[in-house]
Amino acid sequence: MFVLYYSPGSCSTAAHILLEECGADYQAKRVNLAAGEQRTEEYRKINIHGKVPALEIGDRIITQNAAILPFISGQFPESNFTPPDPIDYAKCVELVGWLASAVHPAFGLALHPERPAGGEDIEESTIDLISKNGHNIFWNNLSEINDRLEGKTWVMGPQYTFADPYALVFYAWGKRLEQPMSQLENYTAWKDRMLERPAVRRVLEKENSALLKAA
């Protein structure tokens, strides 16, 4: 059995959805980020970096969506969420890597501009500038996802893959930042298709996702 350490609405939603999509035997253990549970000594034994998601398999643990998502998909080949062509597989991993290394940090910059600035004791004008830049970078990333979806059913084309649940995270985060998501027509149409998937809805309901309230 898998044990997923997650927090509702965080990037761990991607792994949560994928486990549900695959019909995996798993237990979801909530980590209270708001209360700082991720920084406790107990949780740092699970993930030394104090982040979610973390996936426990027996006495071994995998962290980072870029590793967790292809791993889960690979454990359930019958689900057909892993591109069979080696280059298509590499491109799918490439997309997940970009989401993790570029899109996610841009959101963090917009949401918590004081962190990269060095703390809350700096000038408010500096924090506002960092936040504005973060919003702009994040919006540009969302627009790129929208462009990638042109003429496609799923982010990689006709096949639903382990990258799709991760892309849904950033649509939700765009709504959280009050970005004009409806302007991204391809991305919004894809989001609607995602919400039609029973496994996606089950997880979003468990996590009390704002995407369902807005649907």
N, C-alpha and C. Protein backbone atom coordinates (compact mmCIF):
# COMPACT_ATOMS: atom_id res chain seq x y z
N MET A 1 0.83 -1.19 0.00
CA MET A 1 0.00 0.00 0.00
C MET A 1 0.87 1.26 0.00
N PHE A 2 0.40 2.27 -0.69
CA PHE A 2 1.08 3.56 -0.72
C PHE A 2 0.52 4.46 0.39
N VAL A 3 1.38 5.29 0.93
CA VAL A 3 0.93 6.33 1.86
C VAL A 3 1.33 7.67 1.27
N LEU A 4 0.34 8.52 1.01
CA LEU A 4 0.59 9.84 0.45
C LEU A 4 0.45 10.89 1.53
N TYR A 5 1.49 11.66 1.74
CA TYR A 5 1.44 12.81 2.63
C TYR A 5 1.08 14.02 1.78
N TYR A 6 -0.03 14.66 2.11
CA TYR A 6 -0.59 15.69 1.24
C TYR A 6 -1.15 16.83 2.07
N SER A 7 -1.44 17.93 1.37
CA SER A 7 -2.18 19.03 1.96
C SER A 7 -3.19 19.50 0.91
N PRO A 8 -4.46 19.66 1.28
CA PRO A 8 -5.48 20.06 0.30
C PRO A 8 -5.13 21.34 -0.43
N GLY A 9 -5.28 21.31 -1.74
CA GLY A 9 -5.05 22.49 -2.55
C GLY A 9 -3.60 22.78 -2.88
N SER A 10 -2.70 21.97 -2.33
CA SER A 10 -1.28 22.16 -2.63
C SER A 10 -0.91 21.36 -3.88
N CYS A 11 0.38 21.37 -4.23
CA CYS A 11 0.81 20.62 -5.41
C CYS A 11 0.66 19.12 -5.22
N SER A 12 0.45 18.67 -3.97
CA SER A 12 0.25 17.24 -3.72
C SER A 12 -1.08 16.74 -4.29
N THR A 13 -1.96 17.66 -4.66
CA THR A 13 -3.23 17.26 -5.29
C THR A 13 -2.98 16.43 -6.55
N ALA A 14 -1.90 16.73 -7.25
CA ALA A 14 -1.58 15.99 -8.48
C ALA A 14 -1.37 14.50 -8.19
N ALA A 15 -0.54 14.20 -7.20
CA ALA A 15 -0.29 12.81 -6.84
C ALA A 15 -1.54 12.15 -6.27
N HIS A 16 -2.32 12.91 -5.52
CA HIS A 16 -3.58 12.41 -4.95
C HIS A 16 -4.52 11.97 -6.07
N ILE A 17 -4.67 12.82 -7.08
CA ILE A 17 -5.53 12.48 -8.22
C ILE A 17 -5.01 11.27 -8.96
N LEU A 18 -3.70 11.21 -9.19
CA LEU A 18 -3.15 10.11 -9.97
C LEU A 18 -3.31 8.78 -9.26
N LEU A 19 -3.11 8.75 -7.96
CA LEU A 19 -3.35 7.51 -7.21
C LEU A 19 -4.80 7.07 -7.34
N GLU A 20 -5.72 8.02 -7.27
CA GLU A 20 -7.14 7.70 -7.39
C GLU A 20 -7.46 7.23 -8.81
N GLU A 21 -6.89 7.87 -9.80
CA GLU A 21 -7.10 7.49 -11.20
C GLU A 21 -6.63 6.05 -11.45
N CYS A 22 -5.53 5.68 -10.81
CA CYS A 22 -4.94 4.36 -11.04
C CYS A 22 -5.63 3.26 -10.23
N GLY A 23 -6.53 3.66 -9.35
CA GLY A 23 -7.19 2.67 -8.50
C GLY A 23 -6.23 2.06 -7.50
N ALA A 24 -5.25 2.83 -7.06
CA ALA A 24 -4.23 2.34 -6.15
C ALA A 24 -4.78 2.09 -4.75
N ASP A 25 -4.18 1.16 -4.07
CA ASP A 25 -4.46 0.94 -2.65
C ASP A 25 -3.57 1.92 -1.89
N TYR A 26 -4.16 2.97 -1.37
CA TYR A 26 -3.35 4.00 -0.73
C TYR A 26 -4.07 4.62 0.46
N GLN A 27 -3.27 5.22 1.30
CA GLN A 27 -3.78 5.99 2.44
C GLN A 27 -3.30 7.42 2.29
N ALA A 28 -4.19 8.37 2.44
CA ALA A 28 -3.83 9.78 2.35
C ALA A 28 -3.72 10.36 3.75
N LYS A 29 -2.53 10.83 4.11
CA LYS A 29 -2.30 11.43 5.42
C LYS A 29 -2.11 12.93 5.25
N ARG A 30 -3.00 13.69 5.84
CA ARG A 30 -2.98 15.14 5.69
C ARG A 30 -1.88 15.76 6.55
N VAL A 31 -1.16 16.69 5.96
CA VAL A 31 -0.14 17.47 6.65
C VAL A 31 -0.67 18.90 6.76
N ASN A 32 -0.79 19.40 7.96
CA ASN A 32 -1.35 20.74 8.18
C ASN A 32 -0.27 21.79 7.97
N LEU A 33 -0.20 22.31 6.74
CA LEU A 33 0.83 23.29 6.40
C LEU A 33 0.62 24.60 7.16
N ALA A 34 -0.63 25.00 7.31
CA ALA A 34 -0.92 26.26 7.99
C ALA A 34 -0.43 26.25 9.43
N ALA A 35 -0.47 25.08 10.05
CA ALA A 35 -0.02 24.95 11.44
C ALA A 35 1.47 24.67 11.54
N GLY A 36 2.13 24.55 10.38
CA GLY A 36 3.57 24.31 10.38
C GLY A 36 3.98 22.87 10.64
N GLU A 37 3.05 21.94 10.44
CA GLU A 37 3.35 20.54 10.70
C GLU A 37 4.51 20.03 9.85
N GLN A 38 4.65 20.61 8.65
CA GLN A 38 5.72 20.18 7.75
C GLN A 38 7.11 20.50 8.29
N ARG A 39 7.17 21.40 9.26
CA ARG A 39 8.47 21.78 9.82
C ARG A 39 8.80 21.04 11.11
N THR A 40 7.93 20.14 11.53
CA THR A 40 8.18 19.40 12.75
C THR A 40 9.27 18.35 12.54
N GLU A 41 9.90 17.97 13.62
CA GLU A 41 10.95 16.95 13.56
C GLU A 41 10.38 15.63 13.04
N GLU A 42 9.15 15.34 13.45
CA GLU A 42 8.52 14.08 13.02
C GLU A 42 8.34 14.04 11.51
N TYR A 43 7.82 15.16 10.95
CA TYR A 43 7.59 15.13 9.49
C TYR A 43 8.91 15.21 8.71
N ARG A 44 9.89 15.90 9.24
CA ARG A 44 11.18 15.99 8.54
C ARG A 44 11.88 14.63 8.46
N LYS A 45 11.46 13.69 9.27
CA LYS A 45 11.96 12.33 9.13
C LYS A 45 11.38 11.67 7.88
N ILE A 46 10.23 12.18 7.45
CA ILE A 46 9.59 11.69 6.23
C ILE A 46 10.14 12.42 5.01
N ASN A 47 10.17 13.74 5.12
CA ASN A 47 10.74 14.58 4.05
C ASN A 47 11.61 15.64 4.69
N ILE A 48 12.89 15.49 4.56
CA ILE A 48 13.84 16.40 5.21
C ILE A 48 13.64 17.85 4.79
N HIS A 49 13.06 18.06 3.61
CA HIS A 49 12.85 19.42 3.11
C HIS A 49 11.55 20.04 3.62
N GLY A 50 10.75 19.25 4.34
CA GLY A 50 9.52 19.80 4.91
C GLY A 50 8.50 20.21 3.88
N LYS A 51 8.33 19.38 2.85
CA LYS A 51 7.41 19.69 1.76
C LYS A 51 6.44 18.54 1.54
N VAL A 52 5.34 18.83 0.86
CA VAL A 52 4.46 17.80 0.32
C VAL A 52 4.50 17.95 -1.20
N PRO A 53 4.25 16.85 -1.91
CA PRO A 53 3.91 15.52 -1.43
C PRO A 53 5.14 14.70 -1.05
N ALA A 54 4.85 13.66 -0.29
CA ALA A 54 5.82 12.60 -0.04
C ALA A 54 5.05 11.29 -0.19
N LEU A 55 5.65 10.33 -0.85
CA LEU A 55 4.99 9.04 -1.10
C LEU A 55 5.79 7.95 -0.42
N GLU A 56 5.15 7.27 0.51
CA GLU A 56 5.79 6.19 1.27
C GLU A 56 5.41 4.85 0.68
N ILE A 57 6.43 4.04 0.38
CA ILE A 57 6.22 2.70 -0.15
C ILE A 57 7.02 1.76 0.75
N GLY A 58 6.33 1.11 1.67
CA GLY A 58 7.04 0.28 2.63
C GLY A 58 7.92 1.15 3.52
N ASP A 59 9.23 0.86 3.52
CA ASP A 59 10.16 1.64 4.33
C ASP A 59 10.94 2.64 3.49
N ARG A 60 10.43 2.94 2.28
CA ARG A 60 11.12 3.87 1.39
C ARG A 60 10.18 5.02 1.04
N ILE A 61 10.77 6.18 0.76
CA ILE A 61 9.97 7.39 0.51
C ILE A 61 10.49 8.11 -0.72
N ILE A 62 9.55 8.55 -1.55
CA ILE A 62 9.86 9.36 -2.72
C ILE A 62 9.25 10.74 -2.50
N THR A 63 9.99 11.78 -2.83
CA THR A 63 9.47 13.15 -2.77
C THR A 63 9.59 13.78 -4.15
N GLN A 64 8.93 14.93 -4.31
CA GLN A 64 8.93 15.72 -5.54
C GLN A 64 8.00 15.11 -6.60
N ASN A 65 7.08 15.94 -7.08
CA ASN A 65 6.14 15.49 -8.12
C ASN A 65 6.85 14.98 -9.36
N ALA A 66 7.99 15.57 -9.68
CA ALA A 66 8.71 15.16 -10.89
C ALA A 66 9.15 13.70 -10.80
N ALA A 67 9.30 13.18 -9.59
CA ALA A 67 9.64 11.78 -9.39
C ALA A 67 8.41 10.93 -9.08
N ILE A 68 7.52 11.48 -8.26
CA ILE A 68 6.36 10.72 -7.80
C ILE A 68 5.38 10.39 -8.93
N LEU A 69 5.08 11.38 -9.77
CA LEU A 69 4.04 11.17 -10.79
C LEU A 69 4.42 10.08 -11.80
N PRO A 70 5.61 10.13 -12.42
CA PRO A 70 5.96 9.03 -13.33
C PRO A 70 6.10 7.70 -12.62
N PHE A 71 6.51 7.72 -11.35
CA PHE A 71 6.62 6.47 -10.60
C PHE A 71 5.24 5.83 -10.43
N ILE A 72 4.27 6.60 -9.97
CA ILE A 72 2.92 6.05 -9.78
C ILE A 72 2.39 5.51 -11.09
N SER A 73 2.50 6.29 -12.14
CA SER A 73 1.99 5.86 -13.43
C SER A 73 2.64 4.57 -13.89
N GLY A 74 3.94 4.44 -13.63
CA GLY A 74 4.66 3.24 -14.04
C GLY A 74 4.27 2.00 -13.28
N GLN A 75 3.72 2.18 -12.07
CA GLN A 75 3.29 1.03 -11.28
C GLN A 75 1.95 0.46 -11.76
N PHE A 76 1.26 1.22 -12.61
CA PHE A 76 -0.06 0.80 -13.09
C PHE A 76 -0.12 0.92 -14.61
N PRO A 77 0.65 0.10 -15.32
CA PRO A 77 0.69 0.21 -16.79
C PRO A 77 -0.67 0.01 -17.45
N GLU A 78 -1.54 -0.75 -16.77
CA GLU A 78 -2.86 -0.99 -17.32
C GLU A 78 -3.71 0.28 -17.38
N SER A 79 -3.34 1.29 -16.60
CA SER A 79 -4.08 2.55 -16.61
C SER A 79 -3.78 3.37 -17.87
N ASN A 80 -2.65 3.08 -18.51
CA ASN A 80 -2.28 3.75 -19.77
C ASN A 80 -2.08 5.25 -19.58
N PHE A 81 -1.45 5.65 -18.49
CA PHE A 81 -1.16 7.06 -18.25
C PHE A 81 0.29 7.42 -18.55
N THR A 82 1.07 6.43 -18.99
CA THR A 82 2.47 6.65 -19.35
C THR A 82 2.62 6.54 -20.86
N PRO A 83 3.12 7.57 -21.54
CA PRO A 83 3.31 7.49 -22.99
C PRO A 83 4.21 6.31 -23.34
N PRO A 84 3.79 5.45 -24.28
CA PRO A 84 4.58 4.27 -24.62
C PRO A 84 5.84 4.57 -25.43
N ASP A 85 5.80 5.64 -26.20
CA ASP A 85 6.97 6.00 -27.00
C ASP A 85 8.02 6.66 -26.10
N PRO A 86 9.27 6.23 -26.18
CA PRO A 86 10.31 6.79 -25.29
C PRO A 86 10.46 8.30 -25.38
N ILE A 87 10.36 8.85 -26.58
CA ILE A 87 10.50 10.30 -26.72
C ILE A 87 9.27 11.00 -26.15
N ASP A 88 8.08 10.45 -26.41
CA ASP A 88 6.87 11.04 -25.82
C ASP A 88 6.93 10.98 -24.30
N TYR A 89 7.47 9.88 -23.77
CA TYR A 89 7.63 9.76 -22.32
C TYR A 89 8.57 10.85 -21.80
N ALA A 90 9.69 11.03 -22.50
CA ALA A 90 10.65 12.06 -22.09
C ALA A 90 10.03 13.45 -22.15
N LYS A 91 9.20 13.70 -23.17
CA LYS A 91 8.54 15.00 -23.29
C LYS A 91 7.53 15.20 -22.15
N CYS A 92 6.90 14.13 -21.72
CA CYS A 92 5.94 14.22 -20.60
C CYS A 92 6.68 14.54 -19.31
N VAL A 93 7.82 13.87 -19.10
CA VAL A 93 8.64 14.16 -17.92
C VAL A 93 9.17 15.60 -18.01
N GLU A 94 9.53 16.01 -19.21
CA GLU A 94 10.00 17.38 -19.43
C GLU A 94 8.94 18.41 -19.01
N LEU A 95 7.70 18.14 -19.38
CA LEU A 95 6.61 19.04 -19.02
C LEU A 95 6.42 19.10 -17.51
N VAL A 96 6.44 17.95 -16.87
CA VAL A 96 6.31 17.91 -15.40
C VAL A 96 7.47 18.67 -14.76
N GLY A 97 8.65 18.51 -15.31
CA GLY A 97 9.81 19.22 -14.78
C GLY A 97 9.67 20.73 -14.91
N TRP A 98 9.12 21.17 -16.03
CA TRP A 98 8.90 22.61 -16.23
C TRP A 98 7.85 23.13 -15.26
N LEU A 99 6.78 22.38 -15.07
CA LEU A 99 5.75 22.80 -14.12
C LEU A 99 6.34 22.95 -12.72
N ALA A 100 7.22 22.01 -12.35
CA ALA A 100 7.81 22.02 -11.02
C ALA A 100 8.87 23.11 -10.84
N SER A 101 9.66 23.33 -11.89
CA SER A 101 10.83 24.21 -11.75
C SER A 101 10.59 25.66 -12.17
N ALA A 102 9.54 25.89 -12.95
CA ALA A 102 9.27 27.25 -13.43
C ALA A 102 7.91 27.77 -12.99
N VAL A 103 6.86 27.01 -13.22
CA VAL A 103 5.51 27.49 -12.93
C VAL A 103 5.26 27.55 -11.42
N HIS A 104 5.63 26.50 -10.71
CA HIS A 104 5.43 26.48 -9.26
C HIS A 104 6.19 27.62 -8.56
N PRO A 105 7.47 27.84 -8.86
CA PRO A 105 8.18 28.95 -8.20
C PRO A 105 7.58 30.33 -8.52
N ALA A 106 7.03 30.48 -9.71
CA ALA A 106 6.41 31.77 -10.06
C ALA A 106 5.20 32.03 -9.18
N PHE A 107 4.43 30.98 -8.92
CA PHE A 107 3.28 31.13 -8.02
C PHE A 107 3.75 31.52 -6.62
N GLY A 108 4.82 30.87 -6.15
CA GLY A 108 5.35 31.19 -4.84
C GLY A 108 5.81 32.63 -4.75
N LEU A 109 6.38 33.14 -5.83
CA LEU A 109 6.84 34.52 -5.87
C LEU A 109 5.66 35.48 -5.76
N ALA A 110 4.56 35.14 -6.42
CA ALA A 110 3.37 35.99 -6.38
C ALA A 110 2.68 35.93 -5.03
N LEU A 111 2.62 34.75 -4.44
CA LEU A 111 1.87 34.56 -3.19
C LEU A 111 2.65 35.03 -1.97
N HIS A 112 3.95 34.78 -1.98
CA HIS A 112 4.78 35.14 -0.81
C HIS A 112 6.01 35.92 -1.26
N PRO A 113 5.82 37.13 -1.74
CA PRO A 113 6.97 37.91 -2.26
C PRO A 113 7.99 38.27 -1.19
N GLU A 114 7.57 38.24 0.09
CA GLU A 114 8.49 38.60 1.16
C GLU A 114 9.57 37.55 1.37
N ARG A 115 9.31 36.31 0.96
CA ARG A 115 10.27 35.24 1.22
C ARG A 115 11.56 35.40 0.41
N PRO A 116 11.47 35.52 -0.94
CA PRO A 116 12.73 35.73 -1.67
C PRO A 116 13.36 37.09 -1.42
N ALA A 117 12.55 38.04 -0.93
CA ALA A 117 13.08 39.38 -0.66
C ALA A 117 13.90 39.42 0.62
N GLY A 118 13.79 38.39 1.43
CA GLY A 118 14.62 38.33 2.63
C GLY A 118 13.88 38.56 3.93
N GLY A 119 12.57 38.70 3.87
CA GLY A 119 11.82 38.85 5.11
C GLY A 119 10.79 39.96 5.03
N GLU A 120 9.97 40.03 6.04
CA GLU A 120 8.86 40.99 6.05
C GLU A 120 9.27 42.38 6.52
N ASP A 121 10.55 42.53 6.88
CA ASP A 121 10.98 43.83 7.40
C ASP A 121 11.52 44.75 6.31
N ILE A 122 11.39 44.34 5.04
CA ILE A 122 11.84 45.19 3.94
C ILE A 122 10.71 46.14 3.54
N GLU A 123 11.02 47.07 2.68
CA GLU A 123 10.04 48.08 2.28
C GLU A 123 8.86 47.45 1.54
N GLU A 124 7.68 47.97 1.85
CA GLU A 124 6.46 47.46 1.23
C GLU A 124 6.50 47.63 -0.28
N SER A 125 7.09 48.71 -0.78
CA SER A 125 7.16 48.94 -2.22
C SER A 125 7.97 47.85 -2.92
N THR A 126 9.00 47.35 -2.24
CA THR A 126 9.81 46.27 -2.80
C THR A 126 9.02 44.98 -2.87
N ILE A 127 8.29 44.70 -1.79
CA ILE A 127 7.46 43.50 -1.76
C ILE A 127 6.39 43.57 -2.85
N ASP A 128 5.78 44.74 -3.02
CA ASP A 128 4.75 44.92 -4.05
C ASP A 128 5.33 44.68 -5.44
N LEU A 129 6.54 45.15 -5.67
CA LEU A 129 7.17 44.97 -6.99
C LEU A 129 7.45 43.50 -7.26
N ILE A 130 7.95 42.80 -6.26
CA ILE A 130 8.22 41.37 -6.41
C ILE A 130 6.92 40.62 -6.67
N SER A 131 5.87 40.97 -5.93
CA SER A 131 4.58 40.31 -6.12
C SER A 131 4.04 40.55 -7.53
N LYS A 132 4.15 41.79 -7.99
CA LYS A 132 3.68 42.10 -9.34
C LYS A 132 4.43 41.30 -10.39
N ASN A 133 5.74 41.22 -10.23
CA ASN A 133 6.54 40.44 -11.17
C ASN A 133 6.15 38.96 -11.12
N GLY A 134 5.92 38.45 -9.90
CA GLY A 134 5.51 37.07 -9.75
C GLY A 134 4.19 36.79 -10.44
N HIS A 135 3.23 37.69 -10.26
CA HIS A 135 1.93 37.55 -10.93
C HIS A 135 2.11 37.53 -12.45
N ASN A 136 2.94 38.42 -12.96
CA ASN A 136 3.14 38.49 -14.41
C ASN A 136 3.81 37.23 -14.95
N ILE A 137 4.82 36.76 -14.24
CA ILE A 137 5.51 35.54 -14.68
C ILE A 137 4.56 34.34 -14.63
N PHE A 138 3.80 34.25 -13.55
CA PHE A 138 2.86 33.13 -13.42
C PHE A 138 1.80 33.18 -14.52
N TRP A 139 1.29 34.38 -14.80
CA TRP A 139 0.29 34.50 -15.86
C TRP A 139 0.88 34.10 -17.21
N ASN A 140 2.11 34.49 -17.48
CA ASN A 140 2.75 34.09 -18.74
C ASN A 140 2.89 32.57 -18.83
N ASN A 141 3.18 31.94 -17.70
CA ASN A 141 3.27 30.48 -17.67
C ASN A 141 1.92 29.83 -17.94
N LEU A 142 0.88 30.37 -17.32
CA LEU A 142 -0.47 29.85 -17.56
C LEU A 142 -0.86 30.02 -19.02
N SER A 143 -0.47 31.12 -19.61
CA SER A 143 -0.75 31.37 -21.02
C SER A 143 -0.02 30.37 -21.91
N GLU A 144 1.18 30.00 -21.50
CA GLU A 144 1.92 28.99 -22.26
C GLU A 144 1.23 27.63 -22.18
N ILE A 145 0.71 27.29 -21.00
CA ILE A 145 -0.05 26.04 -20.88
C ILE A 145 -1.27 26.10 -21.80
N ASN A 146 -1.93 27.26 -21.83
CA ASN A 146 -3.08 27.44 -22.71
C ASN A 146 -2.68 27.20 -24.17
N ASP A 147 -1.54 27.73 -24.57
CA ASP A 147 -1.07 27.54 -25.95
C ASP A 147 -0.73 26.09 -26.22
N ARG A 148 -0.14 25.41 -25.25
CA ARG A 148 0.20 24.00 -25.41
C ARG A 148 -1.04 23.14 -25.65
N LEU A 149 -2.18 23.59 -25.11
CA LEU A 149 -3.42 22.82 -25.21
C LEU A 149 -4.19 23.07 -26.49
N GLU A 150 -3.69 23.96 -27.32
CA GLU A 150 -4.37 24.25 -28.59
C GLU A 150 -4.55 22.97 -29.41
N GLY A 151 -5.81 22.62 -29.71
CA GLY A 151 -6.11 21.46 -30.52
C GLY A 151 -5.90 20.12 -29.84
N LYS A 152 -5.71 20.13 -28.52
CA LYS A 152 -5.44 18.89 -27.79
C LYS A 152 -6.56 18.58 -26.80
N THR A 153 -6.78 17.29 -26.59
CA THR A 153 -7.74 16.86 -25.57
C THR A 153 -7.10 16.92 -24.19
N TRP A 154 -5.83 16.43 -24.10
CA TRP A 154 -5.09 16.43 -22.86
C TRP A 154 -3.75 17.12 -23.08
N VAL A 155 -2.99 17.37 -22.05
CA VAL A 155 -1.81 18.21 -22.20
C VAL A 155 -0.76 17.63 -23.14
N MET A 156 -0.73 16.29 -23.26
CA MET A 156 0.23 15.66 -24.16
C MET A 156 -0.40 15.26 -25.48
N GLY A 157 -1.68 15.51 -25.67
CA GLY A 157 -2.35 15.13 -26.91
C GLY A 157 -3.59 14.31 -26.63
N PRO A 158 -3.81 13.22 -27.39
CA PRO A 158 -5.02 12.43 -27.20
C PRO A 158 -4.98 11.53 -25.96
N GLN A 159 -3.79 11.28 -25.42
CA GLN A 159 -3.66 10.38 -24.27
C GLN A 159 -3.58 11.16 -22.96
N TYR A 160 -4.43 10.79 -22.02
CA TYR A 160 -4.36 11.32 -20.67
C TYR A 160 -3.11 10.74 -20.02
N THR A 161 -2.29 11.60 -19.42
CA THR A 161 -1.03 11.14 -18.83
C THR A 161 -0.86 11.64 -17.40
N PHE A 162 0.24 11.24 -16.80
CA PHE A 162 0.54 11.66 -15.43
C PHE A 162 0.82 13.15 -15.31
N ALA A 163 0.93 13.85 -16.45
CA ALA A 163 1.13 15.30 -16.41
C ALA A 163 -0.18 16.06 -16.21
N ASP A 164 -1.29 15.48 -16.61
CA ASP A 164 -2.57 16.20 -16.54
C ASP A 164 -2.98 16.59 -15.13
N PRO A 165 -2.90 15.70 -14.14
CA PRO A 165 -3.29 16.13 -12.78
C PRO A 165 -2.44 17.29 -12.26
N TYR A 166 -1.18 17.32 -12.67
CA TYR A 166 -0.30 18.40 -12.20
C TYR A 166 -0.71 19.74 -12.82
N ALA A 167 -1.07 19.72 -14.08
CA ALA A 167 -1.49 20.97 -14.74
C ALA A 167 -2.76 21.53 -14.11
N LEU A 168 -3.59 20.66 -13.54
CA LEU A 168 -4.82 21.13 -12.90
C LEU A 168 -4.51 21.97 -11.65
N VAL A 169 -3.44 21.62 -10.97
CA VAL A 169 -3.03 22.37 -9.78
C VAL A 169 -2.87 23.85 -10.10
N PHE A 170 -2.26 24.14 -11.24
CA PHE A 170 -1.93 25.53 -11.57
C PHE A 170 -3.15 26.31 -12.06
N TYR A 171 -4.12 25.60 -12.64
CA TYR A 171 -5.37 26.29 -12.97
C TYR A 171 -6.03 26.76 -11.67
N ALA A 172 -6.06 25.87 -10.69
CA ALA A 172 -6.66 26.23 -9.39
C ALA A 172 -5.90 27.37 -8.74
N TRP A 173 -4.59 27.36 -8.85
CA TRP A 173 -3.79 28.44 -8.26
C TRP A 173 -4.00 29.75 -8.99
N GLY A 174 -4.26 29.69 -10.29
CA GLY A 174 -4.59 30.90 -11.03
C GLY A 174 -5.87 31.53 -10.50
N LYS A 175 -6.85 30.68 -10.22
CA LYS A 175 -8.10 31.18 -9.63
C LYS A 175 -7.83 31.78 -8.25
N ARG A 176 -6.94 31.14 -7.51
CA ARG A 176 -6.61 31.62 -6.16
C ARG A 176 -5.99 33.02 -6.21
N LEU A 177 -5.20 33.28 -7.23
CA LEU A 177 -4.58 34.59 -7.39
C LEU A 177 -5.48 35.58 -8.12
N GLU A 178 -6.71 35.14 -8.40
CA GLU A 178 -7.72 35.97 -9.10
C GLU A 178 -7.22 36.39 -10.48
N GLN A 179 -6.51 35.48 -11.14
CA GLN A 179 -6.13 35.70 -12.53
C GLN A 179 -7.37 35.48 -13.41
N PRO A 180 -7.45 36.17 -14.54
CA PRO A 180 -8.62 36.04 -15.42
C PRO A 180 -8.59 34.72 -16.21
N MET A 181 -8.80 33.63 -15.52
CA MET A 181 -8.62 32.31 -16.13
C MET A 181 -9.56 32.04 -17.30
N SER A 182 -10.73 32.65 -17.28
CA SER A 182 -11.68 32.40 -18.38
C SER A 182 -11.14 32.90 -19.71
N GLN A 183 -10.16 33.80 -19.68
CA GLN A 183 -9.54 34.26 -20.93
C GLN A 183 -8.70 33.17 -21.58
N LEU A 184 -8.29 32.20 -20.80
CA LEU A 184 -7.49 31.08 -21.32
C LEU A 184 -8.45 29.98 -21.76
N GLU A 185 -8.96 30.11 -22.97
CA GLU A 185 -10.06 29.26 -23.42
C GLU A 185 -9.68 27.79 -23.51
N ASN A 186 -8.49 27.50 -24.03
CA ASN A 186 -8.07 26.10 -24.15
C ASN A 186 -7.90 25.47 -22.77
N TYR A 187 -7.25 26.20 -21.90
CA TYR A 187 -6.99 25.71 -20.55
C TYR A 187 -8.29 25.50 -19.79
N THR A 188 -9.24 26.43 -19.95
CA THR A 188 -10.52 26.32 -19.26
C THR A 188 -11.34 25.15 -19.78
N ALA A 189 -11.33 24.95 -21.09
CA ALA A 189 -12.06 23.81 -21.67
C ALA A 189 -11.45 22.49 -21.19
N TRP A 190 -10.13 22.45 -21.11
CA TRP A 190 -9.44 21.27 -20.60
C TRP A 190 -9.79 21.04 -19.12
N LYS A 191 -9.81 22.13 -18.34
CA LYS A 191 -10.19 22.02 -16.92
C LYS A 191 -11.58 21.42 -16.79
N ASP A 192 -12.49 21.82 -17.65
CA ASP A 192 -13.85 21.29 -17.60
C ASP A 192 -13.85 19.79 -17.90
N ARG A 193 -13.00 19.36 -18.84
CA ARG A 193 -12.90 17.93 -19.13
C ARG A 193 -12.32 17.18 -17.94
N MET A 194 -11.36 17.80 -17.26
CA MET A 194 -10.79 17.18 -16.07
C MET A 194 -11.86 16.98 -14.99
N LEU A 195 -12.71 17.96 -14.83
CA LEU A 195 -13.74 17.88 -13.79
C LEU A 195 -14.82 16.85 -14.12
N GLU A 196 -14.85 16.38 -15.36
CA GLU A 196 -15.79 15.33 -15.73
C GLU A 196 -15.27 13.94 -15.36
N ARG A 197 -14.00 13.86 -15.01
CA ARG A 197 -13.40 12.56 -14.67
C ARG A 197 -13.77 12.22 -13.21
N PRO A 198 -14.38 11.05 -12.99
CA PRO A 198 -14.84 10.69 -11.64
C PRO A 198 -13.73 10.72 -10.59
N ALA A 199 -12.55 10.22 -10.92
CA ALA A 199 -11.45 10.19 -9.94
C ALA A 199 -11.03 11.60 -9.55
N VAL A 200 -11.00 12.48 -10.53
CA VAL A 200 -10.64 13.87 -10.25
C VAL A 200 -11.64 14.50 -9.31
N ARG A 201 -12.90 14.29 -9.57
CA ARG A 201 -13.94 14.88 -8.73
C ARG A 201 -13.89 14.31 -7.31
N ARG A 202 -13.64 13.01 -7.20
CA ARG A 202 -13.57 12.41 -5.85
C ARG A 202 -12.48 13.07 -5.01
N VAL A 203 -11.32 13.27 -5.62
CA VAL A 203 -10.21 13.89 -4.88
C VAL A 203 -10.51 15.35 -4.57
N LEU A 204 -11.04 16.07 -5.54
CA LEU A 204 -11.34 17.48 -5.30
C LEU A 204 -12.41 17.65 -4.24
N GLU A 205 -13.34 16.72 -4.19
CA GLU A 205 -14.36 16.76 -3.14
C GLU A 205 -13.73 16.50 -1.77
N LYS A 206 -12.82 15.52 -1.71
CA LYS A 206 -12.13 15.22 -0.45
C LYS A 206 -11.32 16.42 0.02
N GLU A 207 -10.73 17.14 -0.93
CA GLU A 207 -9.89 18.28 -0.59
C GLU A 207 -10.66 19.58 -0.52
N ASN A 208 -11.98 19.51 -0.74
CA ASN A 208 -12.84 20.70 -0.68
C ASN A 208 -12.30 21.79 -1.62
N SER A 209 -12.03 21.39 -2.85
CA SER A 209 -11.40 22.29 -3.82
C SER A 209 -12.34 23.41 -4.27
N ALA A 210 -11.76 24.59 -4.39
CA ALA A 210 -12.51 25.73 -4.90
C ALA A 210 -12.89 25.55 -6.35
N LEU A 211 -12.22 24.67 -7.06
CA LEU A 211 -12.56 24.43 -8.47
C LEU A 211 -13.97 23.88 -8.61
N LEU A 212 -14.40 23.08 -7.66
CA LEU A 212 -15.75 22.54 -7.72
C LEU A 212 -16.78 23.61 -7.39
N LYS A 213 -16.43 24.51 -6.52
CA LYS A 213 -17.35 25.59 -6.18
C LYS A 213 -17.53 26.56 -7.34
N ALA A 214 -16.46 26.68 -8.16
CA ALA A 214 -16.52 27.59 -9.29
C ALA A 214 -17.07 26.93 -10.53
N ALA A 215 -17.20 25.60 -10.50
CA ALA A 215 -17.63 24.87 -11.71
C ALA A 215 -19.12 25.08 -11.97
